[in-house]
């Protein structure tokens, strides 16, 4: 909640006072997540960065016209999504790509040995593959909620669908993720010490099933 208030406060200073310092903070706060989100729609990281940059530039140029925007974070996600879809119409077919970093998952386990670290990375790799193998909208919804920490209502606004649809898609995603990850979790449990394997499995499953 504090983060949302801060973003809204920055937005007000940007649109009302044309405060460039606030815009800089605003940019650094949202840019990484917007770029990561954009890579769910476009194939190349560089293209995603350019799209997000264009959206920020437009926000700054049109800042005086955007004073009535009540949810700037949601507004930017929607703008990035629309720009990415337009890019795909003009230049390429839509293709989901695996994300190189696993910030959300990597924080789940603090491994105590190289072997554990390797097993953790393998689990995260297979988890990322499982997410990317979900139906496109289902995959995007899952990533927005689990990796970006968004609420169902926020995701619904960004994707222009109902919160009920988001809920349904998340249930499907969690069921498919459970089935997809089961063999790898069993393998990890067999290869790790008894006092560690349950922690690895539990933390990964908590990450999958904990809702917002």
N, C-alpha and C. Protein backbone atom coordinates (compact mmCIF):
# COMPACT_ATOMS: atom_id res chain seq x y z
N UNK A 1 0.83 -1.20 0.00
CA UNK A 1 0.00 0.00 0.00
C UNK A 1 0.86 1.25 0.00
N UNK A 2 1.94 1.22 0.75
CA UNK A 2 2.84 2.38 0.81
C UNK A 2 3.42 2.68 -0.56
N UNK A 3 3.74 1.60 -1.30
CA UNK A 3 4.32 1.77 -2.62
C UNK A 3 3.35 2.47 -3.55
N UNK A 4 2.06 2.09 -3.49
CA UNK A 4 1.05 2.70 -4.35
C UNK A 4 0.90 4.19 -4.04
N UNK A 5 0.88 4.51 -2.76
CA UNK A 5 0.77 5.92 -2.35
C UNK A 5 1.96 6.70 -2.87
N UNK A 6 3.13 6.14 -2.77
CA UNK A 6 4.34 6.79 -3.25
C UNK A 6 4.29 7.04 -4.76
N UNK A 7 3.85 6.04 -5.50
CA UNK A 7 3.75 6.18 -6.96
C UNK A 7 2.75 7.27 -7.30
N UNK A 8 1.63 7.28 -6.62
CA UNK A 8 0.61 8.29 -6.89
C UNK A 8 1.10 9.69 -6.54
N UNK A 9 1.87 9.77 -5.47
CA UNK A 9 2.44 11.06 -5.06
C UNK A 9 3.44 11.56 -6.10
N UNK A 10 4.27 10.66 -6.59
CA UNK A 10 5.21 11.02 -7.65
C UNK A 10 4.47 11.48 -8.89
N UNK A 11 3.43 10.75 -9.23
CA UNK A 11 2.64 11.06 -10.43
C UNK A 11 2.03 12.46 -10.33
N UNK A 12 1.54 12.79 -9.16
CA UNK A 12 0.95 14.12 -8.97
C UNK A 12 2.00 15.22 -9.16
N UNK A 13 3.18 15.00 -8.61
CA UNK A 13 4.24 16.01 -8.76
C UNK A 13 4.71 16.12 -10.22
N UNK A 14 4.62 15.00 -10.94
CA UNK A 14 5.01 15.02 -12.35
C UNK A 14 3.99 15.77 -13.19
N UNK A 15 2.72 15.43 -13.01
CA UNK A 15 1.68 15.99 -13.87
C UNK A 15 1.27 17.40 -13.48
N UNK A 16 1.39 17.73 -12.21
CA UNK A 16 0.97 19.06 -11.73
C UNK A 16 2.14 20.04 -11.71
N UNK A 17 3.28 19.57 -11.21
CA UNK A 17 4.43 20.48 -11.02
C UNK A 17 5.53 20.31 -12.06
N UNK A 18 5.36 19.35 -12.97
CA UNK A 18 6.41 19.06 -13.97
C UNK A 18 7.76 18.81 -13.31
N UNK A 19 7.72 18.06 -12.23
CA UNK A 19 8.92 17.79 -11.43
C UNK A 19 9.76 16.69 -12.09
N UNK A 20 10.88 17.06 -12.67
CA UNK A 20 11.73 16.10 -13.38
C UNK A 20 12.39 15.11 -12.43
N UNK A 21 12.69 15.54 -11.21
CA UNK A 21 13.29 14.64 -10.22
C UNK A 21 12.32 13.51 -9.87
N UNK A 22 11.06 13.88 -9.70
CA UNK A 22 10.04 12.88 -9.40
C UNK A 22 9.87 11.92 -10.57
N UNK A 23 9.97 12.45 -11.78
CA UNK A 23 9.85 11.59 -12.96
C UNK A 23 11.00 10.59 -13.02
N UNK A 24 12.18 11.03 -12.63
CA UNK A 24 13.34 10.13 -12.62
C UNK A 24 13.13 8.98 -11.63
N UNK A 25 12.63 9.31 -10.45
CA UNK A 25 12.34 8.28 -9.45
C UNK A 25 11.23 7.35 -9.96
N UNK A 26 10.21 7.94 -10.54
CA UNK A 26 9.08 7.21 -11.11
C UNK A 26 9.58 6.21 -12.16
N UNK A 27 10.47 6.67 -13.02
CA UNK A 27 11.04 5.83 -14.08
C UNK A 27 11.80 4.65 -13.49
N UNK A 28 12.70 4.92 -12.57
CA UNK A 28 13.53 3.85 -12.00
C UNK A 28 12.70 2.87 -11.17
N UNK A 29 11.59 3.33 -10.63
CA UNK A 29 10.73 2.45 -9.83
C UNK A 29 9.98 1.46 -10.71
N UNK A 30 9.51 1.91 -11.87
CA UNK A 30 8.63 1.08 -12.69
C UNK A 30 9.30 0.45 -13.91
N UNK A 31 10.38 1.04 -14.38
CA UNK A 31 10.99 0.58 -15.63
C UNK A 31 11.34 -0.91 -15.66
N UNK A 32 12.00 -1.46 -14.63
CA UNK A 32 12.36 -2.89 -14.69
C UNK A 32 11.15 -3.80 -14.84
N UNK A 33 10.10 -3.54 -14.10
CA UNK A 33 8.90 -4.39 -14.16
C UNK A 33 8.17 -4.24 -15.48
N UNK A 34 8.16 -3.03 -16.01
CA UNK A 34 7.50 -2.81 -17.30
C UNK A 34 8.25 -3.50 -18.43
N UNK A 35 9.57 -3.45 -18.38
CA UNK A 35 10.36 -4.13 -19.41
C UNK A 35 10.15 -5.64 -19.33
N UNK A 36 10.16 -6.16 -18.11
CA UNK A 36 9.94 -7.59 -17.92
C UNK A 36 8.56 -7.99 -18.42
N UNK A 37 7.57 -7.17 -18.13
CA UNK A 37 6.21 -7.41 -18.62
C UNK A 37 6.17 -7.39 -20.13
N UNK A 38 6.86 -6.44 -20.74
CA UNK A 38 6.84 -6.29 -22.19
C UNK A 38 7.46 -7.49 -22.89
N UNK A 39 8.45 -8.13 -22.25
CA UNK A 39 9.08 -9.30 -22.86
C UNK A 39 8.13 -10.49 -22.94
N UNK A 40 6.98 -10.40 -22.29
CA UNK A 40 5.98 -11.45 -22.43
C UNK A 40 5.25 -11.33 -23.78
N UNK A 41 5.40 -10.18 -24.42
CA UNK A 41 4.71 -9.94 -25.69
C UNK A 41 5.67 -9.88 -26.88
N UNK A 42 6.85 -9.34 -26.68
CA UNK A 42 7.80 -9.20 -27.79
C UNK A 42 8.99 -10.12 -27.57
N UNK A 43 9.68 -10.45 -28.64
CA UNK A 43 10.70 -11.48 -28.58
C UNK A 43 12.03 -11.00 -28.01
N UNK A 44 12.36 -9.75 -28.24
CA UNK A 44 13.70 -9.28 -27.89
C UNK A 44 13.69 -8.28 -26.73
N UNK A 45 14.66 -8.44 -25.85
CA UNK A 45 14.81 -7.55 -24.70
C UNK A 45 14.99 -6.10 -25.14
N UNK A 46 15.80 -5.88 -26.17
CA UNK A 46 16.06 -4.52 -26.63
C UNK A 46 14.79 -3.85 -27.12
N UNK A 47 13.96 -4.61 -27.82
CA UNK A 47 12.69 -4.06 -28.31
C UNK A 47 11.81 -3.69 -27.13
N UNK A 48 11.76 -4.55 -26.13
CA UNK A 48 10.95 -4.27 -24.93
C UNK A 48 11.43 -3.00 -24.25
N UNK A 49 12.73 -2.83 -24.14
CA UNK A 49 13.28 -1.63 -23.51
C UNK A 49 12.91 -0.38 -24.30
N UNK A 50 12.94 -0.47 -25.63
CA UNK A 50 12.60 0.68 -26.47
C UNK A 50 11.12 1.03 -26.35
N UNK A 51 10.28 0.01 -26.31
CA UNK A 51 8.84 0.25 -26.18
C UNK A 51 8.54 0.95 -24.85
N UNK A 52 9.11 0.44 -23.78
CA UNK A 52 8.88 1.04 -22.46
C UNK A 52 9.43 2.46 -22.42
N UNK A 53 10.58 2.66 -23.01
CA UNK A 53 11.17 4.00 -23.05
C UNK A 53 10.26 4.97 -23.79
N UNK A 54 9.68 4.51 -24.91
CA UNK A 54 8.76 5.36 -25.68
C UNK A 54 7.54 5.74 -24.85
N UNK A 55 7.04 4.79 -24.06
CA UNK A 55 5.87 5.06 -23.22
C UNK A 55 6.21 6.10 -22.16
N UNK A 56 7.37 5.98 -21.55
CA UNK A 56 7.78 6.97 -20.55
C UNK A 56 7.96 8.35 -21.17
N UNK A 57 8.57 8.40 -22.35
CA UNK A 57 8.76 9.69 -23.03
C UNK A 57 7.42 10.34 -23.32
N UNK A 58 6.48 9.54 -23.79
CA UNK A 58 5.15 10.08 -24.09
C UNK A 58 4.47 10.58 -22.82
N UNK A 59 4.65 9.86 -21.73
CA UNK A 59 4.08 10.30 -20.44
C UNK A 59 4.64 11.66 -20.04
N UNK A 60 5.93 11.85 -20.20
CA UNK A 60 6.54 13.11 -19.83
C UNK A 60 6.09 14.24 -20.76
N UNK A 61 6.04 13.96 -22.04
CA UNK A 61 5.64 14.98 -23.02
C UNK A 61 4.19 15.40 -22.81
N UNK A 62 3.33 14.43 -22.45
CA UNK A 62 1.90 14.71 -22.30
C UNK A 62 1.48 14.81 -20.83
N UNK A 63 2.42 15.07 -19.95
CA UNK A 63 2.15 15.02 -18.51
C UNK A 63 1.02 15.94 -18.08
N UNK A 64 0.92 17.11 -18.67
CA UNK A 64 -0.12 18.06 -18.27
C UNK A 64 -1.51 17.54 -18.61
N UNK A 65 -1.59 16.67 -19.61
CA UNK A 65 -2.89 16.13 -20.02
C UNK A 65 -3.28 14.90 -19.20
N UNK A 66 -2.38 14.44 -18.36
CA UNK A 66 -2.62 13.19 -17.65
C UNK A 66 -2.92 13.37 -16.16
N UNK A 67 -3.31 14.56 -15.78
CA UNK A 67 -3.57 14.82 -14.36
C UNK A 67 -4.73 14.00 -13.82
N UNK A 68 -5.64 13.61 -14.69
CA UNK A 68 -6.82 12.88 -14.24
C UNK A 68 -6.59 11.37 -14.15
N UNK A 69 -5.43 10.90 -14.56
CA UNK A 69 -5.13 9.47 -14.46
C UNK A 69 -4.97 9.10 -12.99
N UNK A 70 -5.86 8.25 -12.49
CA UNK A 70 -5.89 7.93 -11.06
C UNK A 70 -4.98 6.77 -10.68
N UNK A 71 -4.68 5.90 -11.64
CA UNK A 71 -3.84 4.73 -11.37
C UNK A 71 -2.70 4.70 -12.38
N UNK A 72 -1.67 5.49 -12.14
CA UNK A 72 -0.58 5.62 -13.11
C UNK A 72 0.15 4.31 -13.40
N UNK A 73 0.32 3.48 -12.38
CA UNK A 73 1.02 2.21 -12.60
C UNK A 73 0.24 1.32 -13.56
N UNK A 74 -1.05 1.19 -13.31
CA UNK A 74 -1.90 0.40 -14.20
C UNK A 74 -1.94 1.02 -15.59
N UNK A 75 -2.01 2.34 -15.64
CA UNK A 75 -2.03 3.05 -16.92
C UNK A 75 -0.80 2.70 -17.75
N UNK A 76 0.37 2.68 -17.13
CA UNK A 76 1.60 2.39 -17.86
C UNK A 76 1.66 0.94 -18.33
N UNK A 77 1.20 0.02 -17.51
CA UNK A 77 1.17 -1.38 -17.94
C UNK A 77 0.27 -1.55 -19.16
N UNK A 78 -0.88 -0.90 -19.14
CA UNK A 78 -1.80 -0.99 -20.27
C UNK A 78 -1.17 -0.36 -21.51
N UNK A 79 -0.52 0.79 -21.33
CA UNK A 79 0.13 1.47 -22.46
C UNK A 79 1.23 0.61 -23.06
N UNK A 80 2.03 -0.01 -22.21
CA UNK A 80 3.10 -0.89 -22.69
C UNK A 80 2.52 -2.09 -23.43
N UNK A 81 1.47 -2.67 -22.88
CA UNK A 81 0.83 -3.81 -23.55
C UNK A 81 0.34 -3.42 -24.93
N UNK A 82 -0.33 -2.29 -25.04
CA UNK A 82 -0.87 -1.85 -26.33
C UNK A 82 0.24 -1.55 -27.33
N UNK A 83 1.32 -0.92 -26.87
CA UNK A 83 2.45 -0.63 -27.75
C UNK A 83 3.09 -1.94 -28.23
N UNK A 84 3.20 -2.91 -27.34
CA UNK A 84 3.80 -4.19 -27.71
C UNK A 84 2.94 -4.92 -28.73
N UNK A 85 1.64 -4.90 -28.54
CA UNK A 85 0.74 -5.55 -29.49
C UNK A 85 0.80 -4.87 -30.85
N UNK A 86 0.87 -3.55 -30.85
CA UNK A 86 1.01 -2.82 -32.11
C UNK A 86 2.32 -3.16 -32.80
N UNK A 87 3.37 -3.29 -32.02
CA UNK A 87 4.67 -3.67 -32.59
C UNK A 87 4.58 -5.03 -33.26
N UNK A 88 3.94 -5.98 -32.58
CA UNK A 88 3.82 -7.33 -33.13
C UNK A 88 3.01 -7.35 -34.42
N UNK A 89 1.99 -6.50 -34.49
CA UNK A 89 1.19 -6.43 -35.71
C UNK A 89 2.02 -5.93 -36.88
N UNK A 90 2.93 -5.02 -36.59
CA UNK A 90 3.73 -4.41 -37.66
C UNK A 90 4.96 -5.23 -38.04
N UNK A 91 5.59 -5.86 -37.06
CA UNK A 91 6.91 -6.42 -37.32
C UNK A 91 7.06 -7.93 -37.13
N UNK A 92 6.27 -8.52 -36.25
CA UNK A 92 6.52 -9.94 -35.98
C UNK A 92 5.30 -10.60 -35.39
N UNK A 93 5.37 -11.94 -35.31
CA UNK A 93 4.31 -12.69 -34.65
C UNK A 93 4.58 -12.68 -33.16
N UNK A 94 3.53 -12.77 -32.38
CA UNK A 94 3.67 -12.75 -30.93
C UNK A 94 4.33 -14.04 -30.47
N UNK A 95 5.33 -13.92 -29.63
CA UNK A 95 6.03 -15.09 -29.12
C UNK A 95 6.50 -14.84 -27.70
N UNK A 96 6.08 -15.71 -26.80
CA UNK A 96 6.55 -15.62 -25.42
C UNK A 96 7.97 -16.15 -25.34
N UNK A 97 8.78 -15.52 -24.55
CA UNK A 97 10.16 -15.98 -24.38
C UNK A 97 10.42 -16.22 -22.90
N UNK A 98 11.33 -17.13 -22.64
CA UNK A 98 11.73 -17.38 -21.26
C UNK A 98 12.50 -16.19 -20.74
N UNK A 99 12.21 -15.79 -19.52
CA UNK A 99 12.94 -14.68 -18.91
C UNK A 99 14.26 -15.20 -18.38
N UNK A 100 15.31 -14.41 -18.57
CA UNK A 100 16.65 -14.84 -18.16
C UNK A 100 16.82 -14.83 -16.65
N UNK A 101 16.16 -13.89 -16.00
CA UNK A 101 16.33 -13.80 -14.55
C UNK A 101 15.13 -14.38 -13.84
N UNK A 102 15.34 -14.85 -12.66
CA UNK A 102 14.28 -15.45 -11.85
C UNK A 102 14.27 -14.78 -10.49
N UNK A 103 14.11 -13.46 -10.49
CA UNK A 103 14.24 -12.72 -9.24
C UNK A 103 13.27 -13.22 -8.19
N UNK A 104 12.00 -13.44 -8.62
CA UNK A 104 11.01 -13.86 -7.64
C UNK A 104 11.35 -15.21 -7.04
N UNK A 105 11.72 -16.17 -7.91
CA UNK A 105 12.02 -17.50 -7.43
C UNK A 105 13.36 -17.59 -6.74
N UNK A 106 14.33 -16.84 -7.22
CA UNK A 106 15.68 -16.95 -6.68
C UNK A 106 15.74 -16.54 -5.22
N UNK A 107 14.79 -15.73 -4.79
CA UNK A 107 14.78 -15.28 -3.41
C UNK A 107 14.15 -16.30 -2.47
N UNK A 108 13.57 -17.36 -3.05
CA UNK A 108 12.85 -18.30 -2.22
C UNK A 108 13.78 -19.21 -1.42
N UNK A 109 14.94 -19.55 -2.00
CA UNK A 109 15.81 -20.53 -1.37
C UNK A 109 17.21 -19.96 -1.22
N UNK A 110 17.75 -20.05 -0.04
CA UNK A 110 19.13 -19.64 0.19
C UNK A 110 19.96 -20.90 0.36
N UNK A 111 20.52 -21.42 -0.73
CA UNK A 111 21.17 -22.73 -0.71
C UNK A 111 22.46 -22.69 0.09
N UNK A 112 22.80 -23.85 0.67
CA UNK A 112 23.97 -23.91 1.54
C UNK A 112 25.15 -24.59 0.87
N UNK A 113 25.01 -25.05 -0.38
CA UNK A 113 26.09 -25.74 -1.05
C UNK A 113 25.95 -25.56 -2.55
N UNK A 114 27.04 -25.79 -3.31
CA UNK A 114 26.97 -25.72 -4.78
C UNK A 114 25.94 -26.69 -5.35
N UNK A 115 25.83 -27.88 -4.72
CA UNK A 115 24.87 -28.86 -5.20
C UNK A 115 23.44 -28.35 -5.05
N UNK A 116 23.17 -27.76 -3.89
CA UNK A 116 21.84 -27.20 -3.66
C UNK A 116 21.55 -26.05 -4.60
N UNK A 117 22.57 -25.22 -4.84
CA UNK A 117 22.40 -24.08 -5.74
C UNK A 117 22.07 -24.57 -7.14
N UNK A 118 22.75 -25.62 -7.59
CA UNK A 118 22.51 -26.18 -8.92
C UNK A 118 21.10 -26.74 -9.02
N UNK A 119 20.68 -27.46 -7.98
CA UNK A 119 19.34 -28.04 -7.97
C UNK A 119 18.27 -26.95 -7.95
N UNK A 120 18.55 -25.88 -7.20
CA UNK A 120 17.61 -24.76 -7.15
C UNK A 120 17.46 -24.14 -8.53
N UNK A 121 18.59 -23.92 -9.21
CA UNK A 121 18.55 -23.31 -10.54
C UNK A 121 17.82 -24.21 -11.52
N UNK A 122 18.02 -25.53 -11.38
CA UNK A 122 17.34 -26.46 -12.27
C UNK A 122 15.83 -26.40 -12.05
N UNK A 123 15.42 -26.36 -10.78
CA UNK A 123 14.00 -26.25 -10.47
C UNK A 123 13.40 -24.97 -11.03
N UNK A 124 14.12 -23.86 -10.86
CA UNK A 124 13.64 -22.57 -11.36
C UNK A 124 13.56 -22.56 -12.88
N UNK A 125 14.53 -23.21 -13.52
CA UNK A 125 14.52 -23.30 -14.98
C UNK A 125 13.28 -24.05 -15.46
N UNK A 126 13.00 -25.20 -14.84
CA UNK A 126 11.84 -25.98 -15.22
C UNK A 126 10.54 -25.25 -14.87
N UNK A 127 10.56 -24.49 -13.77
CA UNK A 127 9.39 -23.71 -13.41
C UNK A 127 9.11 -22.65 -14.46
N UNK A 128 10.17 -21.98 -14.93
CA UNK A 128 10.00 -20.96 -15.95
C UNK A 128 9.48 -21.57 -17.24
N UNK A 129 9.99 -22.75 -17.59
CA UNK A 129 9.50 -23.45 -18.78
C UNK A 129 8.03 -23.82 -18.62
N UNK A 130 7.67 -24.27 -17.43
CA UNK A 130 6.27 -24.64 -17.18
C UNK A 130 5.35 -23.44 -17.31
N UNK A 131 5.79 -22.28 -16.80
CA UNK A 131 4.99 -21.06 -16.92
C UNK A 131 4.83 -20.67 -18.38
N UNK A 132 5.93 -20.73 -19.13
CA UNK A 132 5.90 -20.33 -20.54
C UNK A 132 5.09 -21.29 -21.39
N UNK A 133 4.91 -22.54 -20.92
CA UNK A 133 4.13 -23.52 -21.68
C UNK A 133 2.63 -23.37 -21.44
N UNK A 134 2.25 -22.54 -20.47
CA UNK A 134 0.83 -22.28 -20.24
C UNK A 134 0.25 -21.53 -21.43
N UNK A 135 -1.07 -21.59 -21.62
CA UNK A 135 -1.68 -20.73 -22.65
C UNK A 135 -1.26 -19.28 -22.44
N UNK A 136 -1.12 -18.53 -23.52
CA UNK A 136 -0.50 -17.22 -23.47
C UNK A 136 -1.09 -16.30 -22.40
N UNK A 137 -2.41 -16.13 -22.40
CA UNK A 137 -3.02 -15.24 -21.42
C UNK A 137 -2.83 -15.77 -20.00
N UNK A 138 -2.93 -17.07 -19.86
CA UNK A 138 -2.76 -17.71 -18.55
C UNK A 138 -1.34 -17.46 -18.02
N UNK A 139 -0.36 -17.57 -18.91
CA UNK A 139 1.03 -17.34 -18.53
C UNK A 139 1.27 -15.90 -18.10
N UNK A 140 0.71 -14.96 -18.85
CA UNK A 140 0.87 -13.54 -18.52
C UNK A 140 0.23 -13.23 -17.17
N UNK A 141 -0.96 -13.74 -16.94
CA UNK A 141 -1.66 -13.52 -15.67
C UNK A 141 -0.84 -14.09 -14.51
N UNK A 142 -0.33 -15.30 -14.68
CA UNK A 142 0.45 -15.93 -13.63
C UNK A 142 1.70 -15.11 -13.30
N UNK A 143 2.39 -14.63 -14.32
CA UNK A 143 3.62 -13.86 -14.09
C UNK A 143 3.31 -12.51 -13.43
N UNK A 144 2.25 -11.86 -13.87
CA UNK A 144 1.91 -10.56 -13.29
C UNK A 144 1.60 -10.68 -11.80
N UNK A 145 0.92 -11.75 -11.43
CA UNK A 145 0.53 -11.93 -10.04
C UNK A 145 1.69 -12.47 -9.20
N UNK A 146 2.40 -13.47 -9.71
CA UNK A 146 3.44 -14.12 -8.92
C UNK A 146 4.79 -13.41 -8.98
N UNK A 147 5.10 -12.80 -10.13
CA UNK A 147 6.41 -12.15 -10.26
C UNK A 147 6.34 -10.65 -10.03
N UNK A 148 5.19 -10.04 -10.33
CA UNK A 148 5.05 -8.59 -10.13
C UNK A 148 4.26 -8.25 -8.88
N UNK A 149 3.67 -9.26 -8.23
CA UNK A 149 2.95 -9.03 -6.99
C UNK A 149 1.67 -8.24 -7.15
N UNK A 150 1.04 -8.33 -8.32
CA UNK A 150 -0.18 -7.56 -8.57
C UNK A 150 -1.41 -8.26 -8.02
N UNK A 151 -2.44 -7.47 -7.76
CA UNK A 151 -3.72 -7.99 -7.32
C UNK A 151 -4.53 -8.42 -8.55
N UNK A 152 -5.51 -9.29 -8.30
CA UNK A 152 -6.35 -9.78 -9.39
C UNK A 152 -7.03 -8.62 -10.13
N UNK A 153 -7.52 -7.65 -9.36
CA UNK A 153 -8.22 -6.52 -9.96
C UNK A 153 -7.30 -5.70 -10.86
N UNK A 154 -6.05 -5.52 -10.42
CA UNK A 154 -5.08 -4.76 -11.22
C UNK A 154 -4.79 -5.48 -12.53
N UNK A 155 -4.61 -6.79 -12.47
CA UNK A 155 -4.36 -7.58 -13.68
C UNK A 155 -5.55 -7.51 -14.62
N UNK A 156 -6.75 -7.56 -14.05
CA UNK A 156 -7.96 -7.47 -14.87
C UNK A 156 -8.01 -6.15 -15.63
N UNK A 157 -7.64 -5.07 -14.97
CA UNK A 157 -7.64 -3.76 -15.62
C UNK A 157 -6.59 -3.69 -16.73
N UNK A 158 -5.42 -4.23 -16.46
CA UNK A 158 -4.34 -4.18 -17.44
C UNK A 158 -4.68 -4.98 -18.69
N UNK A 159 -5.26 -6.16 -18.51
CA UNK A 159 -5.56 -7.04 -19.64
C UNK A 159 -6.98 -6.85 -20.19
N UNK A 160 -7.73 -5.93 -19.57
CA UNK A 160 -9.09 -5.64 -20.02
C UNK A 160 -9.98 -6.88 -19.98
N UNK A 161 -9.92 -7.60 -18.87
CA UNK A 161 -10.77 -8.76 -18.65
C UNK A 161 -11.36 -8.64 -17.25
N UNK A 162 -12.29 -9.52 -16.91
CA UNK A 162 -12.93 -9.44 -15.60
C UNK A 162 -12.06 -10.08 -14.53
N UNK A 163 -12.18 -9.62 -13.27
CA UNK A 163 -11.45 -10.26 -12.18
C UNK A 163 -11.79 -11.75 -12.06
N UNK A 164 -13.01 -12.11 -12.40
CA UNK A 164 -13.41 -13.52 -12.35
C UNK A 164 -12.60 -14.35 -13.35
N UNK A 165 -12.37 -13.76 -14.54
CA UNK A 165 -11.55 -14.45 -15.54
C UNK A 165 -10.13 -14.63 -15.04
N UNK A 166 -9.60 -13.60 -14.39
CA UNK A 166 -8.25 -13.69 -13.82
C UNK A 166 -8.20 -14.82 -12.80
N UNK A 167 -9.20 -14.88 -11.94
CA UNK A 167 -9.25 -15.91 -10.91
C UNK A 167 -9.30 -17.30 -11.54
N UNK A 168 -10.15 -17.46 -12.56
CA UNK A 168 -10.28 -18.75 -13.24
C UNK A 168 -8.97 -19.17 -13.90
N UNK A 169 -8.33 -18.21 -14.57
CA UNK A 169 -7.06 -18.49 -15.24
C UNK A 169 -5.97 -18.86 -14.23
N UNK A 170 -5.97 -18.22 -13.08
CA UNK A 170 -4.98 -18.54 -12.05
C UNK A 170 -5.19 -19.95 -11.50
N UNK A 171 -6.43 -20.35 -11.31
CA UNK A 171 -6.71 -21.70 -10.84
C UNK A 171 -6.20 -22.73 -11.85
N UNK A 172 -6.45 -22.47 -13.14
CA UNK A 172 -5.96 -23.37 -14.18
C UNK A 172 -4.44 -23.41 -14.19
N UNK A 173 -3.84 -22.24 -14.06
CA UNK A 173 -2.38 -22.16 -14.07
C UNK A 173 -1.78 -22.95 -12.91
N UNK A 174 -2.35 -22.81 -11.72
CA UNK A 174 -1.80 -23.49 -10.55
C UNK A 174 -1.94 -25.01 -10.67
N UNK A 175 -3.06 -25.47 -11.24
CA UNK A 175 -3.24 -26.91 -11.44
C UNK A 175 -2.21 -27.44 -12.42
N UNK A 176 -2.02 -26.73 -13.53
CA UNK A 176 -1.06 -27.17 -14.54
C UNK A 176 0.37 -27.07 -14.03
N UNK A 177 0.66 -26.03 -13.24
CA UNK A 177 1.99 -25.88 -12.69
C UNK A 177 2.30 -27.01 -11.71
N UNK A 178 1.31 -27.41 -10.93
CA UNK A 178 1.51 -28.50 -9.98
C UNK A 178 1.86 -29.79 -10.69
N UNK A 179 1.12 -30.09 -11.76
CA UNK A 179 1.38 -31.31 -12.54
C UNK A 179 2.75 -31.23 -13.22
N UNK A 180 3.05 -30.07 -13.80
CA UNK A 180 4.30 -29.91 -14.54
C UNK A 180 5.53 -29.99 -13.64
N UNK A 181 5.41 -29.48 -12.42
CA UNK A 181 6.57 -29.41 -11.52
C UNK A 181 6.73 -30.66 -10.65
N UNK A 182 5.71 -31.50 -10.59
CA UNK A 182 5.76 -32.65 -9.69
C UNK A 182 6.98 -33.55 -9.90
N UNK A 183 7.31 -33.93 -11.17
CA UNK A 183 8.48 -34.81 -11.35
C UNK A 183 9.78 -34.18 -10.88
N UNK A 184 9.94 -32.87 -11.09
CA UNK A 184 11.18 -32.20 -10.73
C UNK A 184 11.29 -32.02 -9.22
N UNK A 185 10.16 -31.79 -8.57
CA UNK A 185 10.17 -31.67 -7.12
C UNK A 185 10.49 -33.02 -6.47
N UNK A 186 9.95 -34.11 -7.04
CA UNK A 186 10.25 -35.44 -6.53
C UNK A 186 11.72 -35.76 -6.71
N UNK A 187 12.25 -35.38 -7.88
CA UNK A 187 13.67 -35.61 -8.16
C UNK A 187 14.54 -34.84 -7.17
N UNK A 188 14.17 -33.58 -6.92
CA UNK A 188 14.94 -32.76 -5.99
C UNK A 188 14.90 -33.35 -4.59
N UNK A 189 13.74 -33.86 -4.21
CA UNK A 189 13.60 -34.44 -2.88
C UNK A 189 14.48 -35.68 -2.68
N UNK A 190 14.66 -36.45 -3.76
CA UNK A 190 15.48 -37.65 -3.67
C UNK A 190 16.96 -37.32 -3.59
N UNK A 191 17.32 -36.16 -4.18
CA UNK A 191 18.74 -35.82 -4.28
C UNK A 191 19.24 -34.90 -3.17
N UNK A 192 18.35 -34.39 -2.35
CA UNK A 192 18.76 -33.47 -1.29
C UNK A 192 18.58 -34.11 0.07
N UNK A 193 19.31 -33.66 1.09
CA UNK A 193 19.17 -34.22 2.44
C UNK A 193 17.76 -34.04 2.96
N UNK A 194 17.36 -34.94 3.86
CA UNK A 194 16.00 -34.92 4.38
C UNK A 194 15.64 -33.61 5.06
N UNK A 195 16.60 -32.97 5.69
CA UNK A 195 16.28 -31.75 6.42
C UNK A 195 16.22 -30.53 5.51
N UNK A 196 16.51 -30.71 4.21
CA UNK A 196 16.50 -29.58 3.29
C UNK A 196 15.43 -29.76 2.21
N UNK A 197 15.20 -31.03 1.79
CA UNK A 197 14.32 -31.23 0.64
C UNK A 197 12.92 -30.70 0.89
N UNK A 198 12.41 -30.89 2.11
CA UNK A 198 11.06 -30.41 2.40
C UNK A 198 10.98 -28.90 2.34
N UNK A 199 12.08 -28.23 2.69
CA UNK A 199 12.11 -26.77 2.64
C UNK A 199 12.07 -26.30 1.20
N UNK A 200 12.88 -26.93 0.35
CA UNK A 200 12.90 -26.57 -1.08
C UNK A 200 11.52 -26.73 -1.69
N UNK A 201 10.93 -27.92 -1.47
CA UNK A 201 9.61 -28.19 -2.03
C UNK A 201 8.56 -27.24 -1.47
N UNK A 202 8.57 -27.06 -0.17
CA UNK A 202 7.56 -26.22 0.47
C UNK A 202 7.61 -24.78 -0.03
N UNK A 203 8.81 -24.23 -0.12
CA UNK A 203 8.94 -22.84 -0.55
C UNK A 203 8.49 -22.64 -1.99
N UNK A 204 8.84 -23.57 -2.85
CA UNK A 204 8.40 -23.47 -4.25
C UNK A 204 6.89 -23.59 -4.36
N UNK A 205 6.31 -24.51 -3.61
CA UNK A 205 4.86 -24.68 -3.66
C UNK A 205 4.15 -23.48 -3.05
N UNK A 206 4.72 -22.91 -1.99
CA UNK A 206 4.14 -21.71 -1.40
C UNK A 206 4.12 -20.59 -2.43
N UNK A 207 5.23 -20.45 -3.16
CA UNK A 207 5.32 -19.41 -4.19
C UNK A 207 4.24 -19.60 -5.25
N UNK A 208 3.97 -20.86 -5.62
CA UNK A 208 2.96 -21.14 -6.64
C UNK A 208 1.56 -20.85 -6.12
N UNK A 209 1.27 -21.28 -4.89
CA UNK A 209 -0.11 -21.27 -4.43
C UNK A 209 -0.51 -20.06 -3.61
N UNK A 210 0.43 -19.32 -3.06
CA UNK A 210 0.04 -18.15 -2.27
C UNK A 210 -0.60 -17.11 -3.18
N UNK A 211 -1.85 -16.78 -2.91
CA UNK A 211 -2.54 -15.80 -3.73
C UNK A 211 -2.37 -14.40 -3.19
N UNK A 212 -2.80 -13.41 -4.00
CA UNK A 212 -2.74 -12.01 -3.57
C UNK A 212 -4.11 -11.56 -3.11
